[in-house]
Amino acid sequence: MPEIKKILCAVDFSDYSPMVADYANMMAKCSGAQILVLYVAPSLSQYVGFHVPPSSIESFVGEIVTGAEDTMSAFVKENFKDLNVEGKVVTGYPAEEILAICEAEKCDMVVMGTHGRKGIDRILFGSVAEKVVKSSKAPVLTVRPS
């Protein structure tokens, strides 16, 4: 069996993110792996040009990232005890960032949630988890909300 040294745990700070953290915890305790907890904040760059000054968008994204960093710190303290854990907040498109950071950080596994969207919601919003599962070089464990 391949050795798991580093696990990327992608969260969105929704109500069931602690459940995703539980699975990452379990995998890390079994393998002795380090955990990288990742949150991807939206970049909002697609809205530049919609009569909104770029500086306003950059300021808003900056506030989102600052808030997310505070939330990440609290999330890591609350959900990961006695483990080697690093929290990271980035901006961009979630699937792309998860895949890029997984590769750059040489993660051996990804643990992430799914929203279980169906029908028109899935068509409109797509599935970050599906994109990651289809494109990741590392195994992906998806956790569906109960």
N, C-alpha and C. Protein backbone atom coordinates (compact mmCIF):
# COMPACT_ATOMS: atom_id res chain seq x y z
N MET A 1 0.84 -1.18 0.00
CA MET A 1 0.00 0.00 0.00
C MET A 1 0.89 1.24 0.00
N PRO A 2 0.53 2.25 -0.79
CA PRO A 2 1.32 3.48 -0.83
C PRO A 2 1.33 4.18 0.54
N GLU A 3 2.42 4.86 0.82
CA GLU A 3 2.55 5.59 2.08
C GLU A 3 1.86 6.95 1.96
N ILE A 4 1.11 7.30 2.98
CA ILE A 4 0.43 8.59 3.01
C ILE A 4 1.16 9.47 4.02
N LYS A 5 1.86 10.49 3.50
CA LYS A 5 2.64 11.39 4.35
C LYS A 5 1.97 12.74 4.55
N LYS A 6 1.16 13.13 3.55
CA LYS A 6 0.53 14.45 3.62
C LYS A 6 -0.87 14.37 3.02
N ILE A 7 -1.84 14.89 3.77
CA ILE A 7 -3.25 14.87 3.36
C ILE A 7 -3.73 16.30 3.18
N LEU A 8 -4.34 16.59 2.04
CA LEU A 8 -4.97 17.88 1.82
C LEU A 8 -6.44 17.74 2.21
N CYS A 9 -6.87 18.52 3.17
CA CYS A 9 -8.26 18.50 3.62
C CYS A 9 -8.91 19.81 3.16
N ALA A 10 -9.72 19.73 2.12
CA ALA A 10 -10.36 20.91 1.55
C ALA A 10 -11.69 21.15 2.25
N VAL A 11 -11.87 22.35 2.79
CA VAL A 11 -13.10 22.69 3.51
C VAL A 11 -13.70 23.98 2.96
N ASP A 12 -15.00 24.14 3.21
CA ASP A 12 -15.67 25.37 2.79
C ASP A 12 -16.30 26.10 3.98
N PHE A 13 -16.00 25.63 5.20
CA PHE A 13 -16.51 26.18 6.45
C PHE A 13 -18.03 26.07 6.58
N SER A 14 -18.64 25.16 5.83
CA SER A 14 -20.06 24.92 5.99
C SER A 14 -20.28 24.12 7.27
N ASP A 15 -21.53 23.87 7.60
CA ASP A 15 -21.86 23.15 8.84
C ASP A 15 -21.28 21.74 8.89
N TYR A 16 -21.02 21.15 7.73
CA TYR A 16 -20.50 19.79 7.78
C TYR A 16 -19.00 19.70 7.52
N SER A 17 -18.32 20.83 7.47
CA SER A 17 -16.85 20.80 7.36
C SER A 17 -16.20 20.05 8.52
N PRO A 18 -16.74 20.12 9.76
CA PRO A 18 -16.14 19.31 10.83
C PRO A 18 -16.20 17.80 10.54
N MET A 19 -17.22 17.35 9.82
CA MET A 19 -17.30 15.94 9.45
C MET A 19 -16.17 15.58 8.48
N VAL A 20 -15.89 16.47 7.55
CA VAL A 20 -14.78 16.26 6.61
C VAL A 20 -13.47 16.22 7.41
N ALA A 21 -13.34 17.11 8.38
CA ALA A 21 -12.15 17.15 9.24
C ALA A 21 -12.00 15.84 10.01
N ASP A 22 -13.11 15.27 10.46
CA ASP A 22 -13.05 13.99 11.19
C ASP A 22 -12.42 12.89 10.32
N TYR A 23 -12.78 12.84 9.06
CA TYR A 23 -12.21 11.83 8.16
C TYR A 23 -10.72 12.08 7.94
N ALA A 24 -10.35 13.34 7.77
CA ALA A 24 -8.92 13.66 7.59
C ALA A 24 -8.15 13.29 8.85
N ASN A 25 -8.74 13.58 10.03
CA ASN A 25 -8.12 13.19 11.30
C ASN A 25 -7.88 11.70 11.37
N MET A 26 -8.92 10.93 11.04
CA MET A 26 -8.82 9.48 11.11
C MET A 26 -7.72 8.96 10.18
N MET A 27 -7.67 9.47 8.97
CA MET A 27 -6.65 9.03 8.01
C MET A 27 -5.25 9.42 8.50
N ALA A 28 -5.12 10.60 9.06
CA ALA A 28 -3.81 11.06 9.54
C ALA A 28 -3.34 10.24 10.74
N LYS A 29 -4.27 9.93 11.64
CA LYS A 29 -3.89 9.14 12.81
C LYS A 29 -3.47 7.73 12.41
N CYS A 30 -4.12 7.16 11.39
CA CYS A 30 -3.77 5.82 10.93
C CYS A 30 -2.43 5.78 10.20
N SER A 31 -2.10 6.87 9.53
CA SER A 31 -0.90 6.87 8.69
C SER A 31 0.25 7.72 9.23
N GLY A 32 -0.02 8.54 10.25
CA GLY A 32 0.99 9.45 10.76
C GLY A 32 1.24 10.63 9.84
N ALA A 33 0.28 10.92 8.97
CA ALA A 33 0.45 11.98 7.96
C ALA A 33 0.25 13.37 8.55
N GLN A 34 0.84 14.33 7.87
CA GLN A 34 0.61 15.75 8.13
C GLN A 34 -0.67 16.12 7.40
N ILE A 35 -1.41 17.12 7.92
CA ILE A 35 -2.63 17.58 7.27
C ILE A 35 -2.47 19.04 6.85
N LEU A 36 -2.83 19.32 5.61
CA LEU A 36 -2.91 20.68 5.10
C LEU A 36 -4.39 20.98 4.90
N VAL A 37 -4.95 21.87 5.74
CA VAL A 37 -6.36 22.25 5.63
C VAL A 37 -6.43 23.45 4.70
N LEU A 38 -7.25 23.35 3.66
CA LEU A 38 -7.31 24.38 2.62
C LEU A 38 -8.71 24.94 2.47
N TYR A 39 -8.79 26.28 2.42
CA TYR A 39 -10.03 26.97 2.06
C TYR A 39 -9.72 27.84 0.86
N VAL A 40 -10.58 27.77 -0.16
CA VAL A 40 -10.39 28.60 -1.35
C VAL A 40 -11.47 29.67 -1.37
N ALA A 41 -11.05 30.92 -1.21
CA ALA A 41 -11.97 32.07 -1.27
C ALA A 41 -12.16 32.45 -2.74
N PRO A 42 -13.35 32.91 -3.10
CA PRO A 42 -13.59 33.29 -4.49
C PRO A 42 -12.74 34.50 -4.87
N SER A 43 -12.23 34.51 -6.10
CA SER A 43 -11.39 35.62 -6.53
C SER A 43 -12.22 36.81 -7.00
N LEU A 44 -13.40 36.57 -7.51
CA LEU A 44 -14.31 37.58 -8.04
C LEU A 44 -13.74 38.36 -9.22
N SER A 45 -12.63 37.88 -9.79
CA SER A 45 -12.01 38.58 -10.92
C SER A 45 -12.93 38.61 -12.15
N GLN A 46 -13.88 37.68 -12.22
CA GLN A 46 -14.78 37.66 -13.36
C GLN A 46 -15.74 38.85 -13.36
N TYR A 47 -15.81 39.59 -12.23
CA TYR A 47 -16.72 40.73 -12.16
C TYR A 47 -16.05 42.07 -12.50
N VAL A 48 -14.75 42.04 -12.76
CA VAL A 48 -14.08 43.27 -13.18
C VAL A 48 -14.65 43.64 -14.54
N GLY A 49 -15.05 44.87 -14.70
CA GLY A 49 -15.63 45.30 -15.97
C GLY A 49 -17.14 45.43 -15.90
N PHE A 50 -17.77 45.01 -14.81
CA PHE A 50 -19.21 45.15 -14.64
C PHE A 50 -19.53 46.45 -13.91
N HIS A 51 -18.87 47.52 -14.31
CA HIS A 51 -19.07 48.84 -13.71
C HIS A 51 -18.79 48.83 -12.21
N VAL A 52 -17.91 47.95 -11.80
CA VAL A 52 -17.45 47.91 -10.42
C VAL A 52 -15.94 48.15 -10.47
N PRO A 53 -15.45 49.16 -9.79
CA PRO A 53 -14.01 49.43 -9.83
C PRO A 53 -13.21 48.24 -9.32
N PRO A 54 -12.13 47.90 -10.03
CA PRO A 54 -11.30 46.77 -9.58
C PRO A 54 -10.82 46.91 -8.15
N SER A 55 -10.57 48.15 -7.71
CA SER A 55 -10.09 48.35 -6.34
C SER A 55 -11.15 47.93 -5.32
N SER A 56 -12.44 48.12 -5.64
CA SER A 56 -13.52 47.70 -4.75
C SER A 56 -13.55 46.19 -4.64
N ILE A 57 -13.39 45.51 -5.76
CA ILE A 57 -13.40 44.04 -5.77
C ILE A 57 -12.20 43.52 -4.99
N GLU A 58 -11.02 44.10 -5.23
CA GLU A 58 -9.82 43.67 -4.52
C GLU A 58 -9.96 43.88 -3.02
N SER A 59 -10.57 45.00 -2.62
CA SER A 59 -10.78 45.29 -1.21
C SER A 59 -11.72 44.27 -0.59
N PHE A 60 -12.80 43.96 -1.30
CA PHE A 60 -13.78 42.99 -0.81
C PHE A 60 -13.16 41.60 -0.67
N VAL A 61 -12.40 41.18 -1.68
CA VAL A 61 -11.73 39.88 -1.62
C VAL A 61 -10.73 39.86 -0.46
N GLY A 62 -10.02 40.98 -0.25
CA GLY A 62 -9.10 41.07 0.88
C GLY A 62 -9.79 40.88 2.21
N GLU A 63 -10.99 41.45 2.35
CA GLU A 63 -11.76 41.28 3.58
C GLU A 63 -12.21 39.83 3.74
N ILE A 64 -12.60 39.19 2.64
CA ILE A 64 -13.01 37.78 2.69
C ILE A 64 -11.83 36.93 3.15
N VAL A 65 -10.65 37.16 2.58
CA VAL A 65 -9.47 36.37 2.93
C VAL A 65 -9.10 36.58 4.40
N THR A 66 -9.13 37.82 4.87
CA THR A 66 -8.81 38.09 6.27
C THR A 66 -9.78 37.37 7.20
N GLY A 67 -11.05 37.43 6.89
CA GLY A 67 -12.05 36.72 7.68
C GLY A 67 -11.86 35.22 7.62
N ALA A 68 -11.52 34.71 6.42
CA ALA A 68 -11.32 33.28 6.25
C ALA A 68 -10.08 32.81 7.01
N GLU A 69 -9.05 33.63 7.08
CA GLU A 69 -7.85 33.25 7.83
C GLU A 69 -8.16 33.14 9.32
N ASP A 70 -8.98 34.06 9.83
CA ASP A 70 -9.40 33.98 11.24
C ASP A 70 -10.24 32.73 11.47
N THR A 71 -11.17 32.47 10.55
CA THR A 71 -12.02 31.28 10.65
C THR A 71 -11.17 30.02 10.56
N MET A 72 -10.17 30.01 9.68
CA MET A 72 -9.29 28.85 9.53
C MET A 72 -8.55 28.56 10.82
N SER A 73 -8.02 29.59 11.44
CA SER A 73 -7.29 29.42 12.70
C SER A 73 -8.18 28.78 13.75
N ALA A 74 -9.39 29.27 13.90
CA ALA A 74 -10.34 28.71 14.87
C ALA A 74 -10.73 27.28 14.48
N PHE A 75 -10.94 27.04 13.18
CA PHE A 75 -11.34 25.72 12.70
C PHE A 75 -10.27 24.68 13.00
N VAL A 76 -9.00 25.04 12.73
CA VAL A 76 -7.90 24.11 12.98
C VAL A 76 -7.79 23.80 14.47
N LYS A 77 -7.88 24.83 15.31
CA LYS A 77 -7.80 24.61 16.77
C LYS A 77 -8.92 23.71 17.27
N GLU A 78 -10.10 23.92 16.73
CA GLU A 78 -11.27 23.19 17.20
C GLU A 78 -11.34 21.75 16.67
N ASN A 79 -10.87 21.52 15.46
CA ASN A 79 -11.09 20.23 14.81
C ASN A 79 -9.86 19.34 14.67
N PHE A 80 -8.68 19.87 14.94
CA PHE A 80 -7.47 19.07 14.78
C PHE A 80 -6.62 19.19 16.04
N LYS A 81 -6.71 18.21 16.89
CA LYS A 81 -5.94 18.24 18.13
C LYS A 81 -4.83 17.20 18.07
N ASP A 82 -3.66 17.56 18.56
CA ASP A 82 -2.52 16.64 18.65
C ASP A 82 -2.07 16.10 17.30
N LEU A 83 -2.25 16.86 16.25
CA LEU A 83 -1.79 16.43 14.92
C LEU A 83 -0.93 17.52 14.30
N ASN A 84 -0.13 17.13 13.31
CA ASN A 84 0.69 18.08 12.57
C ASN A 84 -0.20 18.69 11.48
N VAL A 85 -0.70 19.91 11.72
CA VAL A 85 -1.69 20.53 10.84
C VAL A 85 -1.27 21.94 10.47
N GLU A 86 -1.49 22.28 9.21
CA GLU A 86 -1.27 23.63 8.71
C GLU A 86 -2.55 24.08 8.02
N GLY A 87 -3.01 25.31 8.30
CA GLY A 87 -4.17 25.88 7.63
C GLY A 87 -3.70 26.85 6.56
N LYS A 88 -4.40 26.85 5.43
CA LYS A 88 -4.02 27.72 4.33
C LYS A 88 -5.27 28.27 3.66
N VAL A 89 -5.27 29.58 3.36
CA VAL A 89 -6.36 30.23 2.65
C VAL A 89 -5.80 30.82 1.36
N VAL A 90 -6.44 30.51 0.24
CA VAL A 90 -6.03 31.05 -1.06
C VAL A 90 -7.26 31.58 -1.77
N THR A 91 -7.06 32.33 -2.84
CA THR A 91 -8.18 32.79 -3.66
C THR A 91 -8.09 32.16 -5.04
N GLY A 92 -9.24 31.98 -5.66
CA GLY A 92 -9.28 31.41 -7.00
C GLY A 92 -10.51 30.55 -7.19
N TYR A 93 -10.44 29.66 -8.18
CA TYR A 93 -11.50 28.71 -8.45
C TYR A 93 -11.20 27.45 -7.65
N PRO A 94 -12.14 27.01 -6.81
CA PRO A 94 -11.84 25.93 -5.87
C PRO A 94 -11.20 24.68 -6.48
N ALA A 95 -11.78 24.10 -7.51
CA ALA A 95 -11.23 22.86 -8.06
C ALA A 95 -9.80 23.07 -8.56
N GLU A 96 -9.59 24.16 -9.27
CA GLU A 96 -8.25 24.44 -9.81
C GLU A 96 -7.23 24.63 -8.70
N GLU A 97 -7.60 25.36 -7.66
CA GLU A 97 -6.67 25.62 -6.56
C GLU A 97 -6.39 24.35 -5.76
N ILE A 98 -7.42 23.55 -5.51
CA ILE A 98 -7.23 22.30 -4.78
C ILE A 98 -6.24 21.41 -5.54
N LEU A 99 -6.44 21.27 -6.84
CA LEU A 99 -5.56 20.42 -7.65
C LEU A 99 -4.14 20.98 -7.69
N ALA A 100 -4.00 22.29 -7.88
CA ALA A 100 -2.66 22.90 -7.97
C ALA A 100 -1.91 22.78 -6.64
N ILE A 101 -2.59 23.03 -5.54
CA ILE A 101 -1.92 22.98 -4.24
C ILE A 101 -1.61 21.53 -3.86
N CYS A 102 -2.49 20.63 -4.22
CA CYS A 102 -2.23 19.20 -3.96
C CYS A 102 -0.92 18.79 -4.63
N GLU A 103 -0.76 19.21 -5.86
CA GLU A 103 0.46 18.85 -6.60
C GLU A 103 1.67 19.60 -6.06
N ALA A 104 1.53 20.91 -5.84
CA ALA A 104 2.66 21.71 -5.37
C ALA A 104 3.15 21.27 -3.99
N GLU A 105 2.22 20.87 -3.13
CA GLU A 105 2.57 20.46 -1.77
C GLU A 105 2.89 18.97 -1.67
N LYS A 106 2.79 18.28 -2.81
CA LYS A 106 3.07 16.83 -2.86
C LYS A 106 2.20 16.05 -1.87
N CYS A 107 0.90 16.35 -1.91
CA CYS A 107 -0.05 15.64 -1.05
C CYS A 107 -0.32 14.25 -1.61
N ASP A 108 -0.47 13.30 -0.72
CA ASP A 108 -0.68 11.91 -1.10
C ASP A 108 -2.16 11.54 -1.14
N MET A 109 -3.02 12.42 -0.62
CA MET A 109 -4.45 12.16 -0.57
C MET A 109 -5.20 13.47 -0.39
N VAL A 110 -6.42 13.50 -0.93
CA VAL A 110 -7.31 14.65 -0.74
C VAL A 110 -8.55 14.14 -0.01
N VAL A 111 -8.98 14.88 1.01
CA VAL A 111 -10.24 14.60 1.69
C VAL A 111 -11.08 15.86 1.55
N MET A 112 -12.29 15.70 1.00
CA MET A 112 -13.15 16.86 0.77
C MET A 112 -14.61 16.46 0.82
N GLY A 113 -15.47 17.43 1.02
CA GLY A 113 -16.90 17.19 1.06
C GLY A 113 -17.53 17.35 -0.30
N THR A 114 -18.75 16.83 -0.40
CA THR A 114 -19.58 17.06 -1.58
C THR A 114 -20.87 17.69 -1.08
N HIS A 115 -21.48 18.49 -1.91
CA HIS A 115 -22.76 19.09 -1.51
C HIS A 115 -23.93 18.23 -1.96
N GLY A 116 -23.69 17.28 -2.83
CA GLY A 116 -24.76 16.41 -3.28
C GLY A 116 -25.81 17.13 -4.10
N ARG A 117 -25.41 18.13 -4.86
CA ARG A 117 -26.37 18.85 -5.69
C ARG A 117 -26.87 17.96 -6.82
N LYS A 118 -28.11 18.21 -7.20
CA LYS A 118 -28.72 17.44 -8.29
C LYS A 118 -29.43 18.40 -9.23
N GLY A 119 -29.76 17.90 -10.39
CA GLY A 119 -30.59 18.64 -11.33
C GLY A 119 -29.99 19.96 -11.77
N ILE A 120 -30.82 21.00 -11.77
CA ILE A 120 -30.42 22.30 -12.29
C ILE A 120 -29.30 22.92 -11.47
N ASP A 121 -29.31 22.72 -10.13
CA ASP A 121 -28.23 23.24 -9.30
C ASP A 121 -26.88 22.71 -9.76
N ARG A 122 -26.82 21.42 -10.07
CA ARG A 122 -25.56 20.81 -10.49
C ARG A 122 -25.12 21.37 -11.84
N ILE A 123 -26.08 21.58 -12.72
CA ILE A 123 -25.76 22.14 -14.04
C ILE A 123 -25.24 23.56 -13.90
N LEU A 124 -25.90 24.37 -13.05
CA LEU A 124 -25.50 25.77 -12.88
C LEU A 124 -24.20 25.93 -12.11
N PHE A 125 -24.03 25.18 -11.02
CA PHE A 125 -22.89 25.38 -10.15
C PHE A 125 -21.75 24.41 -10.39
N GLY A 126 -22.04 23.31 -11.09
CA GLY A 126 -20.99 22.31 -11.31
C GLY A 126 -20.66 21.60 -10.02
N SER A 127 -19.65 20.79 -10.06
CA SER A 127 -19.27 20.06 -8.86
C SER A 127 -17.76 20.16 -8.69
N VAL A 128 -17.35 20.86 -7.66
CA VAL A 128 -15.92 20.97 -7.36
C VAL A 128 -15.36 19.58 -7.08
N ALA A 129 -16.09 18.80 -6.28
CA ALA A 129 -15.61 17.46 -5.93
C ALA A 129 -15.45 16.61 -7.19
N GLU A 130 -16.41 16.68 -8.09
CA GLU A 130 -16.32 15.88 -9.31
C GLU A 130 -15.10 16.27 -10.14
N LYS A 131 -14.85 17.56 -10.26
CA LYS A 131 -13.68 18.02 -11.02
C LYS A 131 -12.38 17.54 -10.37
N VAL A 132 -12.32 17.59 -9.05
CA VAL A 132 -11.11 17.15 -8.34
C VAL A 132 -10.94 15.64 -8.50
N VAL A 133 -12.01 14.88 -8.32
CA VAL A 133 -11.93 13.42 -8.46
C VAL A 133 -11.45 13.04 -9.86
N LYS A 134 -11.98 13.70 -10.87
CA LYS A 134 -11.63 13.36 -12.25
C LYS A 134 -10.20 13.74 -12.62
N SER A 135 -9.65 14.77 -11.98
CA SER A 135 -8.35 15.30 -12.41
C SER A 135 -7.20 15.06 -11.45
N SER A 136 -7.47 14.67 -10.23
CA SER A 136 -6.42 14.53 -9.22
C SER A 136 -5.52 13.33 -9.49
N LYS A 137 -4.23 13.54 -9.31
CA LYS A 137 -3.28 12.45 -9.40
C LYS A 137 -3.25 11.64 -8.11
N ALA A 138 -3.68 12.28 -7.01
CA ALA A 138 -3.73 11.62 -5.70
C ALA A 138 -5.14 11.06 -5.49
N PRO A 139 -5.26 10.02 -4.68
CA PRO A 139 -6.60 9.51 -4.35
C PRO A 139 -7.42 10.58 -3.64
N VAL A 140 -8.74 10.55 -3.87
CA VAL A 140 -9.63 11.54 -3.27
C VAL A 140 -10.71 10.80 -2.48
N LEU A 141 -10.84 11.16 -1.21
CA LEU A 141 -11.91 10.64 -0.37
C LEU A 141 -12.97 11.74 -0.28
N THR A 142 -14.17 11.46 -0.77
CA THR A 142 -15.25 12.46 -0.70
C THR A 142 -16.21 12.08 0.42
N VAL A 143 -16.63 13.10 1.15
CA VAL A 143 -17.53 12.92 2.28
C VAL A 143 -18.83 13.64 1.95
N ARG A 144 -19.89 12.88 1.90
CA ARG A 144 -21.21 13.43 1.56
C ARG A 144 -21.94 13.84 2.83
N PRO A 145 -22.62 15.00 2.82
CA PRO A 145 -23.34 15.42 4.03
C PRO A 145 -24.44 14.43 4.36
N SER A 146 -24.67 14.26 5.65
CA SER A 146 -25.71 13.30 6.04
C SER A 146 -27.01 14.02 6.31
